[in-house]
Each structure stands twice: as C-alpha cells, then as structure tokens.
Protein backbone atom coordinates (compact mmCIF):
# COMPACT_ATOMS: atom_id res chain seq x y z
CA MET A 1 -6.98 25.85 -5.57
CA SER A 2 -7.34 28.99 -7.64
CA THR A 3 -9.81 30.37 -10.15
CA VAL A 4 -8.63 32.05 -13.36
CA GLU A 5 -10.09 32.82 -16.75
CA SER A 6 -9.19 30.48 -19.60
CA THR A 7 -7.42 33.33 -21.42
CA ASN A 8 -4.62 33.09 -18.82
CA PHE A 9 -3.66 29.56 -19.89
CA THR A 10 -0.32 29.17 -21.64
CA GLU A 11 -0.81 25.52 -22.64
CA SER A 12 -3.77 23.20 -23.05
CA ALA A 13 -4.85 19.61 -23.53
CA ASP A 14 -8.08 17.68 -23.33
CA VAL A 15 -6.75 15.60 -20.43
CA VAL A 16 -3.92 16.54 -18.09
CA VAL A 17 -2.33 13.63 -16.18
CA VAL A 18 -0.42 14.50 -13.00
CA GLY A 19 2.15 11.81 -12.22
CA PHE A 20 3.56 9.39 -14.80
CA GLY A 21 4.00 6.02 -13.10
CA ALA A 22 1.88 2.93 -13.72
CA ALA A 23 -1.45 4.68 -13.09
CA GLY A 24 -0.46 7.79 -15.04
CA THR A 25 0.85 5.95 -18.09
CA CYS A 26 -2.21 3.70 -18.22
CA ALA A 27 -4.50 6.72 -17.84
CA ALA A 28 -2.67 8.50 -20.66
CA ILE A 29 -2.88 5.48 -22.96
CA ALA A 30 -6.59 4.96 -22.23
CA ALA A 31 -7.36 8.63 -22.83
CA ARG A 32 -5.52 8.51 -26.17
CA GLU A 33 -7.35 5.29 -27.08
CA ASN A 34 -10.54 7.29 -26.62
CA GLY A 35 -9.44 10.20 -28.79
CA ALA A 36 -8.32 12.77 -26.22
CA ASP A 37 -5.34 15.07 -26.54
CA VAL A 38 -3.17 14.22 -23.51
CA LEU A 39 -0.46 16.07 -21.62
CA ALA A 40 1.26 14.11 -18.83
CA LEU A 41 3.32 15.86 -16.15
CA ASP A 42 5.82 14.43 -13.69
CA ARG A 43 7.92 16.18 -11.07
CA ALA A 44 10.90 13.86 -11.69
CA ASN A 45 11.92 11.69 -14.64
CA GLY A 46 8.74 9.63 -14.75
CA GLY A 47 8.15 6.15 -13.43
CA GLY A 48 7.39 7.05 -9.82
CA SER A 49 7.26 4.14 -7.40
CA THR A 50 6.49 1.75 -10.25
CA ALA A 51 9.96 2.04 -11.77
CA VAL A 52 11.63 1.02 -8.50
CA SER A 53 9.10 -1.67 -7.59
CA GLY A 54 9.33 -5.40 -8.01
CA GLY A 55 7.14 -5.21 -11.10
CA ILE A 56 4.55 -7.69 -9.80
CA ILE A 57 1.02 -7.58 -11.20
CA TYR A 58 -1.64 -9.64 -9.45
CA ALA A 59 -3.78 -11.24 -12.14
CA GLY A 60 -5.62 -14.48 -12.73
CA GLY A 61 -8.77 -16.10 -13.93
CA GLY A 62 -6.92 -17.71 -16.83
CA THR A 63 -4.41 -15.18 -18.16
CA TRP A 64 -2.41 -16.20 -21.21
CA VAL A 65 0.65 -16.45 -18.94
CA GLN A 66 -1.14 -18.90 -16.64
CA GLN A 67 -2.41 -20.90 -19.59
CA GLN A 68 1.05 -21.10 -21.13
CA ALA A 69 2.43 -22.26 -17.76
CA GLY A 70 -0.25 -24.94 -17.41
CA VAL A 71 -1.70 -23.23 -14.32
CA SER A 72 -5.44 -23.78 -13.99
CA ASP A 73 -7.37 -20.79 -12.65
CA SER A 74 -10.89 -19.41 -12.92
CA TYR A 75 -12.87 -16.29 -12.29
CA GLU A 76 -14.62 -17.97 -9.36
CA GLN A 77 -11.36 -19.06 -7.68
CA MET A 78 -9.72 -15.65 -7.99
CA LEU A 79 -12.84 -13.86 -6.79
CA THR A 80 -13.18 -16.18 -3.78
CA TYR A 81 -9.61 -15.46 -2.71
CA LEU A 82 -9.77 -11.70 -3.26
CA ARG A 83 -13.10 -11.31 -1.48
CA ARG A 84 -11.32 -12.30 1.74
CA GLU A 85 -8.23 -10.17 1.07
CA VAL A 86 -9.93 -7.05 -0.34
CA GLY A 87 -12.85 -6.98 2.09
CA ASP A 88 -14.82 -3.76 1.87
CA ALA A 89 -12.10 -1.69 0.18
CA VAL A 90 -14.30 -1.56 -2.92
CA SER A 91 -17.84 -2.63 -3.73
CA PRO A 92 -18.58 -6.24 -4.72
CA GLN A 93 -19.40 -5.01 -8.22
CA THR A 94 -16.01 -3.31 -8.60
CA LEU A 95 -14.13 -6.37 -7.39
CA GLU A 96 -16.10 -8.58 -9.78
CA SER A 97 -15.28 -6.19 -12.63
CA PHE A 98 -11.59 -6.22 -11.69
CA VAL A 99 -11.45 -10.02 -11.58
CA ALA A 100 -13.46 -10.51 -14.77
CA GLY A 101 -11.14 -8.13 -16.63
CA SER A 102 -7.93 -9.65 -15.28
CA PRO A 103 -7.02 -11.82 -18.31
CA GLU A 104 -7.73 -8.93 -20.67
CA MET A 105 -5.57 -6.62 -18.52
CA ILE A 106 -2.53 -8.85 -18.96
CA ARG A 107 -3.20 -9.07 -22.69
CA TRP A 108 -3.55 -5.26 -22.86
CA LEU A 109 -0.24 -4.78 -21.06
CA SER A 110 1.41 -7.33 -23.35
CA ASP A 111 0.09 -5.53 -26.42
CA TYR A 112 1.74 -2.35 -25.18
CA GLY A 113 5.10 -4.04 -24.76
CA VAL A 114 5.17 -5.15 -21.13
CA PRO A 115 7.13 -8.45 -21.11
CA PHE A 116 5.91 -11.50 -19.21
CA ASP A 117 7.25 -15.03 -18.79
CA SER A 118 5.37 -18.21 -17.85
CA THR A 119 8.14 -19.94 -15.89
CA VAL A 120 6.61 -21.05 -12.57
CA CYS A 121 8.50 -20.71 -9.30
CA PRO A 122 8.53 -24.18 -7.64
CA TYR A 123 8.76 -22.91 -4.05
CA LYS A 124 7.01 -20.31 -1.88
CA THR A 125 8.91 -17.03 -1.76
CA SER A 126 8.35 -13.34 -1.23
CA TYR A 127 9.91 -12.54 -4.62
CA PRO A 128 11.34 -14.98 -7.15
CA ASN A 129 14.84 -14.83 -8.59
CA ASN A 130 15.59 -14.19 -12.25
CA HIS A 131 14.69 -17.75 -13.28
CA TYR A 132 10.98 -17.50 -12.35
CA TYR A 133 8.17 -15.09 -13.24
CA LEU A 134 4.87 -16.66 -12.12
CA TYR A 135 4.44 -17.45 -8.44
CA HIS A 136 2.22 -17.38 -5.35
CA SER A 137 2.55 -13.68 -4.53
CA GLY A 138 -0.02 -13.52 -1.74
CA SER A 139 -1.38 -15.74 1.01
CA GLU A 140 -2.88 -18.32 -1.32
CA ASN A 141 -1.00 -21.15 0.42
CA ALA A 142 -2.06 -20.16 3.93
CA GLY A 143 -4.45 -22.35 5.86
CA GLU A 144 -7.45 -20.01 6.07
CA PHE A 145 -7.35 -19.40 2.31
CA ARG A 146 -6.80 -23.02 1.29
CA ALA A 147 -10.03 -23.82 3.09
CA LEU A 148 -11.81 -21.53 0.62
CA THR A 149 -10.11 -22.25 -2.69
CA PRO A 150 -7.05 -24.12 -4.02
CA PRO A 151 -3.84 -22.02 -4.13
CA VAL A 152 -3.09 -20.65 -7.60
CA GLN A 153 -0.06 -18.72 -8.85
CA ARG A 154 -1.23 -15.19 -9.77
CA GLY A 155 1.87 -13.12 -9.19
CA HIS A 156 2.88 -12.04 -12.71
CA ARG A 157 6.40 -10.68 -12.43
CA VAL A 158 7.34 -8.48 -15.37
CA LYS A 159 10.32 -10.09 -17.07
CA GLY A 160 13.61 -8.44 -16.26
CA LYS A 161 16.64 -8.81 -14.05
CA GLY A 162 16.39 -7.78 -10.42
CA THR A 163 13.40 -5.75 -9.29
CA SER A 164 11.76 -5.39 -12.68
CA GLY A 165 9.32 -2.50 -12.20
CA LYS A 166 11.23 -0.39 -14.71
CA LYS A 167 10.47 -3.05 -17.32
CA MET A 168 6.80 -2.32 -16.76
CA TYR A 169 7.10 1.46 -16.76
CA GLU A 170 9.37 1.91 -19.77
CA PRO A 171 7.20 0.21 -22.43
CA LEU A 172 4.04 1.86 -21.08
CA ALA A 173 5.65 5.31 -21.17
CA LYS A 174 7.00 4.64 -24.65
CA SER A 175 3.59 3.44 -25.83
CA ALA A 176 1.81 6.48 -24.40
CA VAL A 177 4.15 8.82 -26.27
CA ALA A 178 3.93 6.74 -29.45
CA LEU A 179 0.15 7.09 -29.29
CA GLY A 180 0.53 10.88 -29.20
CA ALA A 181 0.52 11.73 -25.51
CA ARG A 182 2.88 14.58 -24.66
CA PHE A 183 5.14 14.06 -21.66
CA SER A 184 6.65 16.90 -19.65
CA PRO A 185 9.03 15.70 -16.90
CA HIS A 186 10.57 17.98 -14.26
CA THR A 187 7.24 19.76 -13.93
CA VAL A 188 5.83 20.25 -10.43
CA VAL A 189 2.07 20.77 -10.21
CA ASN A 190 1.21 23.12 -7.34
CA LYS A 191 -2.50 23.93 -7.68
CA LEU A 192 -5.71 22.88 -9.33
CA ILE A 193 -7.63 25.56 -11.19
CA GLN A 194 -11.42 25.68 -10.89
CA ASP A 195 -13.96 27.84 -12.65
CA ALA A 196 -16.77 29.74 -10.95
CA ASP A 197 -18.94 26.59 -10.94
CA GLY A 198 -16.29 24.51 -9.20
CA ARG A 199 -15.21 22.52 -12.24
CA VAL A 200 -11.50 21.67 -12.41
CA ILE A 201 -10.31 23.22 -15.64
CA GLY A 202 -6.55 23.08 -15.33
CA VAL A 203 -3.42 23.21 -13.20
CA GLU A 204 -0.74 25.66 -12.14
CA ALA A 205 2.78 24.27 -12.25
CA THR A 206 6.45 25.15 -12.46
CA THR A 207 8.66 23.50 -15.05
CA MET A 208 12.37 23.08 -15.71
CA ARG A 209 11.90 22.52 -19.41
CA HIS A 210 13.18 26.02 -20.27
CA ALA A 211 16.39 25.64 -18.25
CA PRO A 212 19.71 25.31 -20.12
CA PRO A 213 20.34 21.75 -21.35
CA ARG A 214 23.20 21.18 -18.88
CA ILE A 215 20.90 22.19 -16.01
CA GLN A 216 18.15 19.88 -17.23
CA GLN A 217 20.65 17.02 -17.41
CA ARG A 218 21.88 17.76 -13.90
CA TYR A 219 18.31 17.93 -12.62
CA SER A 220 17.55 14.59 -14.25
CA ARG A 221 20.59 12.92 -12.68
CA LEU A 222 19.75 14.29 -9.26
CA ALA A 223 16.12 13.16 -9.57
CA GLY A 224 17.38 9.68 -10.41
CA LEU A 225 19.65 9.64 -7.35
CA SER A 226 16.79 10.75 -5.12
CA THR A 227 14.66 7.88 -6.36
CA LYS A 228 17.34 5.20 -6.17
CA PRO A 229 19.65 4.79 -4.22
CA GLY A 230 17.94 7.55 -2.21
CA ILE A 231 15.12 5.17 -1.36
CA TYR A 232 17.56 3.05 0.66
CA TYR A 233 19.57 5.89 2.23
CA PRO A 234 17.30 8.75 3.38
CA PRO A 235 20.16 11.18 4.19
CA LEU A 236 21.26 11.01 0.55
CA ARG A 237 17.71 11.64 -0.60
CA ALA A 238 17.38 14.65 1.70
CA GLN A 239 20.63 16.14 0.40
CA VAL A 240 19.69 15.59 -3.24
CA GLU A 241 16.21 17.05 -2.71
CA ARG A 242 17.77 20.24 -1.31
CA GLN A 243 19.85 20.56 -4.48
CA LEU A 244 16.76 20.02 -6.64
CA ARG A 245 14.89 22.77 -4.78
CA ARG A 246 17.81 25.16 -5.32
CA LEU A 247 17.76 24.48 -9.07
CA GLU A 248 13.99 24.99 -9.16
CA ARG A 249 14.22 28.33 -7.37
CA ARG A 250 16.69 29.57 -9.98
CA TYR A 251 15.50 28.01 -13.22
CA ALA A 252 11.88 26.82 -12.94
CA ARG A 253 9.21 28.86 -14.72
CA PRO A 254 5.50 29.00 -13.93
CA VAL A 255 2.99 27.57 -16.37
CA ARG A 256 -0.82 27.38 -16.44
CA ILE A 257 -2.23 24.41 -18.29
CA GLN A 258 -5.84 24.13 -19.38
CA ALA A 259 -7.60 20.78 -19.14
CA ARG A 260 -10.55 20.97 -21.52
CA ARG A 261 -12.04 17.68 -20.29
CA GLY A 262 -10.34 16.69 -17.06
CA VAL A 263 -7.34 16.40 -14.74
CA ILE A 264 -6.28 12.95 -13.53
CA ILE A 265 -4.16 12.92 -10.37
CA CYS A 266 -1.85 9.90 -10.20
CA ALA A 267 0.76 11.39 -7.87
CA GLY A 268 1.28 8.53 -5.43
CA GLY A 269 0.65 8.20 -1.71
CA TYR A 270 2.13 9.97 1.31
CA MET A 271 4.80 7.63 2.69
CA ALA A 272 7.53 10.26 2.13
CA ASN A 273 5.66 12.81 4.25
CA THR A 274 6.87 12.14 7.79
CA GLU A 275 4.48 14.66 9.30
CA TRP A 276 1.51 12.93 7.69
CA VAL A 277 2.74 9.52 8.84
CA LYS A 278 2.98 10.92 12.38
CA ARG A 279 -0.55 12.29 12.03
CA PHE A 280 -2.34 9.37 10.41
CA ALA A 281 -0.27 6.25 11.17
CA PRO A 282 2.35 6.97 13.84
CA GLN A 283 2.97 3.31 14.57
CA TYR A 284 4.55 3.00 11.11
CA LEU A 285 7.34 5.52 11.65
CA GLY A 286 10.82 4.20 10.96
CA GLY A 287 10.13 1.94 8.00
CA LEU A 288 11.72 2.07 4.57
CA GLN A 289 9.72 4.58 2.52
CA LEU A 290 8.76 2.46 -0.46
CA GLY A 291 8.44 5.07 -3.17
CA THR A 292 9.90 8.35 -4.31
CA SER A 293 10.07 11.77 -2.70
CA GLY A 294 6.98 12.52 -4.78
CA ASP A 295 4.99 10.24 -2.47
CA ASP A 296 4.54 13.21 -0.14
CA GLY A 297 0.75 13.48 -0.20
CA SER A 298 0.79 16.53 -2.48
CA GLY A 299 -1.64 14.92 -4.92
CA ILE A 300 -4.02 14.08 -2.10
CA ALA A 301 -3.74 17.62 -0.71
CA MET A 302 -4.44 19.15 -4.13
CA ALA A 303 -7.56 17.08 -4.52
CA GLN A 304 -8.67 18.10 -1.03
CA SER A 305 -8.28 21.76 -1.99
CA ALA A 306 -10.95 21.17 -4.62
CA GLY A 307 -13.33 19.50 -2.15
CA ALA A 308 -12.14 15.88 -2.15
CA VAL A 309 -12.44 13.70 0.95
CA THR A 310 -10.03 11.03 2.13
CA GLU A 311 -10.51 7.56 3.58
CA ARG A 312 -8.38 4.78 5.11
CA MET A 313 -5.54 7.23 5.70
CA ASP A 314 -4.31 5.17 8.65
CA ASN A 315 -3.81 2.10 6.50
CA VAL A 316 -0.14 1.45 5.74
CA SER A 317 1.32 -1.76 4.37
CA ALA A 318 4.46 -2.86 6.24
CA TRP A 319 6.34 -5.78 4.69
CA ARG A 320 8.10 -8.25 6.94
CA PHE A 321 9.30 -11.02 4.67
CA ILE A 322 10.86 -14.20 6.05
CA THR A 323 11.60 -15.77 2.65
CA PRO A 324 13.77 -16.53 0.82
CA PRO A 325 15.11 -18.95 1.95
CA SER A 326 11.87 -20.91 1.72
CA ALA A 327 12.82 -23.16 4.65
CA PHE A 328 11.92 -20.33 7.02
CA ILE A 329 8.22 -20.86 6.29
CA SER A 330 8.57 -23.93 8.52
CA ALA A 331 10.01 -21.84 11.35
CA ILE A 332 7.67 -20.07 13.78
CA ILE A 333 7.30 -16.34 14.50
CA VAL A 334 6.91 -15.40 18.16
CA ASP A 335 6.46 -12.22 20.19
CA GLU A 336 7.98 -11.09 23.51
CA GLN A 337 5.80 -13.54 25.41
CA GLY A 338 6.95 -16.39 23.20
CA ASP A 339 3.49 -16.70 21.61
CA ARG A 340 2.93 -17.39 17.90
CA ILE A 341 2.01 -14.28 15.91
CA ILE A 342 0.58 -15.63 12.65
CA ASP A 343 0.52 -18.50 10.18
CA GLU A 344 4.06 -18.14 8.78
CA SER A 345 2.91 -19.04 5.26
CA ARG A 346 1.00 -15.74 5.06
CA TYR A 347 2.26 -12.96 2.79
CA GLY A 348 4.80 -10.59 4.34
CA ALA A 349 2.37 -7.67 4.51
CA ALA A 350 0.02 -9.76 6.66
CA VAL A 351 2.95 -10.61 8.94
CA GLY A 352 3.91 -6.94 9.16
CA TYR A 353 0.34 -5.91 9.90
CA GLN A 354 0.05 -8.32 12.81
CA MET A 355 3.40 -7.27 14.23
CA VAL A 356 2.69 -3.53 14.04
CA ARG A 357 -0.96 -3.54 15.07
CA HIS A 358 -0.93 -6.25 17.75
CA HIS A 359 2.66 -6.90 18.91
CA HIS A 360 4.30 -3.46 19.13
CA GLY A 361 6.28 -4.17 15.98
CA LYS A 362 8.31 -6.90 17.65
CA GLY A 363 8.87 -10.44 16.47
CA TRP A 364 11.44 -13.23 16.30
CA LEU A 365 11.78 -16.16 13.93
CA LEU A 366 12.60 -19.40 15.75
CA ALA A 367 14.46 -22.14 13.87
CA ASP A 368 16.32 -25.23 15.00
CA ALA A 369 19.63 -26.57 13.65
CA THR A 370 17.94 -28.59 10.89
CA LEU A 371 16.04 -25.59 9.52
CA ILE A 372 19.08 -23.32 9.72
CA LYS A 373 21.17 -25.85 7.79
CA GLU A 374 18.53 -26.11 5.08
CA ALA A 375 18.13 -22.33 4.92
CA ARG A 376 21.88 -21.86 4.42
CA ARG A 377 21.85 -24.40 1.61
CA GLN A 378 18.95 -22.58 -0.11
CA MET A 379 20.78 -19.26 0.19
CA ILE A 380 22.98 -20.32 -2.73
CA LYS A 381 20.25 -20.50 -5.38
CA GLN A 382 16.95 -19.03 -4.20
CA PRO A 383 17.54 -15.33 -3.44
CA LEU A 384 18.45 -12.38 -5.58
CA TRP A 385 21.60 -10.59 -4.42
CA PHE A 386 19.85 -8.08 -2.17
CA GLN A 387 17.69 -10.81 -0.63
CA ARG A 388 20.81 -12.87 0.02
CA ALA A 389 22.49 -9.88 1.70
CA GLN A 390 19.48 -9.21 3.91
CA SER A 391 19.01 -12.86 4.87
CA ALA A 392 22.71 -13.27 5.62
CA ALA A 393 22.70 -10.13 7.77
CA LEU A 394 19.67 -11.45 9.65
CA MET A 395 21.17 -14.91 10.20
CA PHE A 396 24.67 -13.84 11.17
CA LEU A 397 24.35 -10.34 12.63
CA ASP A 398 20.85 -10.08 14.10
CA SER A 399 20.25 -13.42 15.79
CA VAL A 400 21.05 -15.28 19.01
CA LYS A 401 21.67 -18.96 19.62
CA GLY A 402 21.14 -21.23 22.58
CA ALA A 403 21.62 -24.89 23.42
CA SER A 404 18.08 -24.99 24.79
CA LEU A 405 14.84 -23.09 24.27
CA PRO A 406 15.01 -21.34 27.68
CA GLU A 407 18.59 -20.27 26.98
CA VAL A 408 17.91 -18.80 23.53
CA ALA A 409 14.77 -17.09 24.85
CA GLN A 410 16.70 -15.41 27.66
CA ARG A 411 19.36 -14.19 25.24
CA ALA A 412 16.69 -12.64 23.00
CA GLY A 413 14.72 -11.11 25.87
CA ILE A 414 11.71 -13.39 25.34
CA ASP A 415 9.71 -15.12 28.06
CA PRO A 416 11.31 -18.60 28.32
CA ASP A 417 8.24 -20.37 29.68
CA GLY A 418 6.06 -18.92 26.94
CA LEU A 419 8.47 -20.02 24.21
CA VAL A 420 8.78 -23.55 25.60
CA ALA A 421 4.98 -23.90 25.79
CA THR A 422 4.58 -22.57 22.24
CA VAL A 423 7.10 -25.01 20.78
CA GLN A 424 5.53 -27.91 22.68
CA ALA A 425 2.09 -27.05 21.26
CA HIS A 426 3.59 -26.71 17.78
CA ASN A 427 5.40 -30.06 17.95
CA ASN A 428 2.48 -31.89 19.59
CA ALA A 429 0.18 -30.86 16.74
CA ILE A 430 2.64 -32.41 14.27
CA ASP A 431 3.11 -35.57 16.35
CA THR A 432 -0.63 -36.14 16.77
CA GLY A 433 -1.66 -35.09 13.28
CA THR A 434 -3.90 -32.34 14.58
CA ALA A 435 -4.29 -28.83 13.23
CA ASP A 436 -1.45 -26.37 13.69
CA PRO A 437 -2.26 -23.90 16.52
CA VAL A 438 -2.31 -20.92 14.13
CA GLY A 439 -3.60 -22.80 11.11
CA LYS A 440 -0.42 -23.26 9.08
CA PRO A 441 -0.86 -26.04 6.47
CA ALA A 442 0.73 -29.36 7.35
CA ASP A 443 3.07 -29.35 4.34
CA PHE A 444 4.84 -26.31 5.80
CA THR A 445 5.12 -27.57 9.40
CA ARG A 446 8.31 -29.13 10.76
CA ARG A 447 9.22 -30.18 14.29
CA ILE A 448 11.46 -27.70 16.07
CA SER A 449 13.58 -29.98 18.22
CA LYS A 450 17.24 -30.16 17.22
CA PRO A 451 19.60 -27.80 19.09
CA PRO A 452 21.12 -25.32 18.87
CA PHE A 453 18.11 -23.08 18.50
CA THR A 454 18.25 -19.71 16.76
CA LEU A 455 16.04 -16.66 17.24
CA LEU A 456 16.32 -14.18 14.38
CA ASN A 457 15.16 -10.67 15.22
CA ILE A 458 12.62 -9.62 12.57
CA SER A 459 11.21 -6.72 14.59
CA ILE A 460 10.05 -3.69 12.65
CA ARG A 461 12.52 -0.91 13.37
CA PRO A 462 14.98 1.38 11.55
CA ASN A 463 17.49 -1.11 10.24
CA LEU A 464 19.51 -0.81 7.04
CA LEU A 465 20.48 -4.49 7.20
CA ASN A 466 16.89 -5.74 7.26
CA PRO A 467 14.58 -2.81 6.45
CA THR A 468 10.80 -2.91 6.52
CA PRO A 469 9.41 -1.51 3.25
CA MET A 470 6.18 0.45 3.71
CA LEU A 471 3.63 2.18 1.47
CA THR A 472 0.39 3.97 2.20
CA LEU A 473 -2.90 2.47 1.03
CA GLY A 474 -5.38 5.23 1.88
CA GLY A 475 -6.19 8.28 -0.20
CA ILE A 476 -8.99 10.24 -1.78
CA ARG A 477 -12.38 8.69 -2.42
CA VAL A 478 -13.36 8.13 -6.05
CA ASP A 479 -16.41 6.98 -7.94
CA GLU A 480 -15.75 3.30 -8.61
CA THR A 481 -17.45 3.41 -12.00
CA THR A 482 -15.60 6.39 -13.48
CA GLY A 483 -12.64 7.23 -11.25
CA ALA A 484 -14.07 10.72 -10.64
CA VAL A 485 -13.00 12.28 -7.35
CA LEU A 486 -15.86 12.60 -4.85
CA ASP A 487 -16.68 15.41 -2.42
CA SER A 488 -18.11 15.15 1.10
CA THR A 489 -21.64 14.64 -0.25
CA GLY A 490 -20.53 11.74 -2.44
CA SER A 491 -20.92 13.79 -5.61
CA PRO A 492 -18.23 13.85 -8.33
CA ILE A 493 -16.07 16.96 -8.52
CA PRO A 494 -16.47 17.99 -12.17
CA GLY A 495 -13.31 17.57 -14.22
CA LEU A 496 -11.27 15.80 -11.53
CA TYR A 497 -10.22 12.13 -11.57
CA SER A 498 -7.67 10.03 -9.74
CA ALA A 499 -5.98 6.62 -9.79
CA GLY A 500 -3.13 4.78 -8.12
CA ARG A 501 -2.10 5.34 -4.54
CA THR A 502 -3.38 8.92 -4.55
CA ALA A 503 -6.83 7.30 -4.41
CA THR A 504 -8.27 4.35 -2.56
CA GLY A 505 -8.77 1.20 -4.59
CA ILE A 506 -8.63 -2.58 -4.74
CA CYS A 507 -5.60 -2.87 -2.44
CA SER A 508 -6.60 -0.24 0.15
CA ASN A 509 -7.69 -2.76 2.78
CA SER A 510 -5.25 -5.65 2.54
CA TYR A 511 -2.17 -5.71 0.36
CA VAL A 512 -0.65 -8.69 -1.42
CA SER A 513 2.21 -8.42 -3.86
CA GLY A 514 1.09 -7.14 -7.23
CA LEU A 515 -2.31 -5.86 -6.13
CA SER A 516 -1.24 -2.20 -6.09
CA LEU A 517 0.20 -2.25 -9.61
CA ALA A 518 -2.83 -4.19 -10.84
CA ASP A 519 -5.05 -1.54 -9.27
CA CYS A 520 -2.97 1.20 -10.92
CA VAL A 521 -3.60 -0.39 -14.32
CA TYR A 522 -7.30 -0.98 -13.66
CA ALA A 523 -8.02 2.43 -12.13
CA GLY A 524 -5.71 4.30 -14.49
CA ARG A 525 -7.46 2.91 -17.56
CA ARG A 526 -10.85 3.66 -15.99
CA ALA A 527 -9.96 7.27 -15.24
CA GLY A 528 -8.39 7.83 -18.65
CA LYS A 529 -11.42 6.48 -20.48
CA HIS A 530 -13.94 8.56 -18.55
CA ALA A 531 -11.88 11.75 -18.48
CA ALA A 532 -11.56 11.55 -22.26
CA ALA A 533 -15.35 11.35 -22.57
CA ASP A 534 -15.94 14.21 -20.11
CA GLN A 535 -17.05 17.10 -22.31
CA PRO A 536 -18.76 19.99 -20.48
CA ALA A 537 -22.07 21.01 -22.03
CA ASP A 538 -20.96 24.61 -22.56
CA ARG A 539 -17.81 23.74 -24.47
C-alpha cells in the first residue's frame, strides 16, 4: 500500500478491475451497465482460471435451459439442497438472493453471448462429454440429499468442445469491451494506493503495453503456455514464468492508475503459492494446481495491505473423481483398514475432502469382474479423451487384482479382514433390502461378488496419470450486500471491492461443480454495480 497525490496518476477510470476472468468480466460489465468508466487489468492474456475450467455454472430454480430440457426445478428445491452444501459460508439472506436470482443469471449470461444447450446427460458423471450440457454436477443423487429434496440437474455446462470454460470467458470479455470497458492485458498490479483517509483511490502497476510488438507477441505466447499446458506440467510453467519475469525486467514500465470510484480485486486464489499452501493447508500439497500462475495470493495480499482480513484460508477443494465410467459409482471406496470412506455417489470434491481430512489422502476403489467389464464397455462412449486416458491409466497401470478379497487386499497393502467385513456388510444390505452402510441410494448399489477383484489406487498424491485438481476456497472477507472488502472491525474499506476466489463466497465451505463460476458471476456483478455507484462526497 502507498499514498500519493492524485496529480501523480498517469491514467484514470471510475472503476479499476484487477483480474479479468469470470468475476472480473462480470464486474466490468455490471459497472458499465451502471454508467461507470471501466479499466480492466490482467497480468496475462485474460481469462484466468475460468478460461481453462470446465465451464460449469451451477444454476437452477427454473432456468430457461432447464425448462427447455423439461427438467422441473424450483426455488425451494434448489435452496434446500444448497443450504446443506453451502452451510455457513454466507448468510441465509445471501444464499436466498443467489438462488432467487439464478434463472435471471443464466438469462443475463445468455444475453451477453455465453452459449448453453439443454441436452440432458442420462447418467451420473463428473463431467459430461460433448453430447450433453445439463447434468447432476453435485451430490444431488446422494442418499443424504435425496432425503431432503429430489435430485435435479443444475450443472449448466457452457456449450463447447472439451473443457469449455473459454467459451464462457470469450463472449463475456468481448461484451465488456463492446460496452466500452478498456482492457489492458500484460499489466501486473503491485500495490493499492490509499489517500490520507484510508480510501483506496488507485493502483500501482507495471505494464508491457509499451514493449515492441514482437515482444508483446512473445509475452502473450509465453503467458498462454504458462496457463495451459503449464497447468498440467509444473516444470514447464516454472521455466516459462522465468522467461516472463526476464521480459518484464527489461520492457515493463510503471504506471499509476486512478480509480475515481473504486478498485475491484478479482485476482484469483492462492493455489499456485506453494508457501501459502504449506502455511494454511499443508495436507493439500502435491495436488494439481487448478488455475494459473496468477493464483498466487497476490490479490489477497494486496487487500490485506489496505486492512482486509481473511477467512477460511485452510479450505481447499481437492477433486477425486471416480467417473466416468459411471459403473464405478456402484463400486466402493475403502481406506487402509478396508473401511468404506463415503457414499460413492457424492461429488468428487466431497470424496477428496473425506480422503484428505480423515484418511491421510489414501483410498482405493474396489470393483469385481462384472463392474470392471461394464466400466470398460462404457469407456468407449462416456468419457472425453482426457477422462478416457486417466481412467485407462488407473485401470491398467495403477491397480491390483486378486482371485479373492484377502488376496487383492494384501497386494494393495490393505487390511484383508477389514475389506472382507466391509464387502460382507455391503452385500448383506443389498440381499436384505436394508440401507447401505454409508447411505448410498439403492439404485447405485451392486453386489461385489464375482472374482477377480480389482483395487484401483485413487489416493491423493503427485501423479500425472491420475492427478488431483485443487483450488483454494478461502480469501478476504467482503460485505455480502455490496462486495466491499471489510477490515478487522467489520467495516468496509472505502473504495475497495472484491469477487471471485480472491474473496470468500457461496462456494467457500463446500464445493460442487459450477458453484465457483456461479459465485464469480453473482459476486462480480454485485461488486461492479456497487463500485460504479460509489462516489465519494468530496469528489
């Protein structure tokens, strides 16, 4: 944080947006809708984690996509489900507002060019292939949630081949610029500027925009490599980032930008900051950093320099998916003692949470010959290419087989007696028509009885063949009505707002697919609207 006079500014805008992913683009659009002059800054090419995400938006209550698909949903059903998932991450009033505005949110995104499709996925999966775009993206099918409300498809996958997050980012970025927002990529924000009264009135940054065109093009290519494929191969990312820093040292120029009404920080979380992960959530070291190198906590740190406080910094979402193929929902997940870990129909983040927090990150998926045969058959049509590669690697390279349960347990290093007892309890519940021991719904349960038996190692560990994607859910505390950043007394820091994974929000307690992007849209629009209306009395 630094304090300078306004005469030192070289550029100005009513609202300055730091970070141009889903939250940043939505904040920029909302600020322009409310008449503000907007300048958006991004350290890379724009898009952030959104552009490399699956492009899932959690929405319901009767969106036009659901209606077109013939899916019946209501405000009450969606709220009932999310109350259990979201918990105390936000106030009841905020959650009710989010749910009530869900259909309008999808319409708003559609109006700004984000493409959706109403084709419903007919099976439970972690992520649908290119034929399906509306699916159960959370734990709606799991036993404890079915007892509360019927399962409804609310995962709205943005239409596009493969992981379609870029198909969400691109139209939003284009719409923001078309509305008059100015976008400055390759601009790294280093400090917030406050006046003598503590109001945030601008930022200090360095920008590559004055570099020769060939250098800007090279910088852009390198930034793209760092994002993807760098996300999957950290050594490549580290090498590319070193080259980017060298270019910045030679060509970047300092700039001071005035924010006449407010600064909105939408700079992502801190998953790329290994030191912070060691400090706040050491049990999550070794996962796939789901995001860009910009998810280094710098936005959180900047807000803290102005007096912001953080919360839920130890909350990380670790994704351990067992589908596709969908047959594996009928398998069982066990720990080193051979005990069941969780209802296998739960969303992959819930599986990952249980494994990391309560089972030392270790787990195995047990399937018999019948399930393995069905899973192999489903491998032809259900997965996308990368899912097929990961599932094949798991089945053929990271599994053990045995003619009996004790034999396969010994080969995997699992307690044989514990595994035998677990399978007996599982099968007895099916045979007697009683409840599954961990609450899995009956339509997903299958007897595990036909040898050979297979234990697939789904433990959370550094593994390029079957990585565990992770993202941070904690961040700075904001006012849930305006998106203003709060200090230690609970008072808003004048002129400072935040949205997305820099801040806590709807998904900061329990994550299901699409809830983070939905929160980025909700919180980004909120911050943009209120920052645009923030006019200091003396100006």
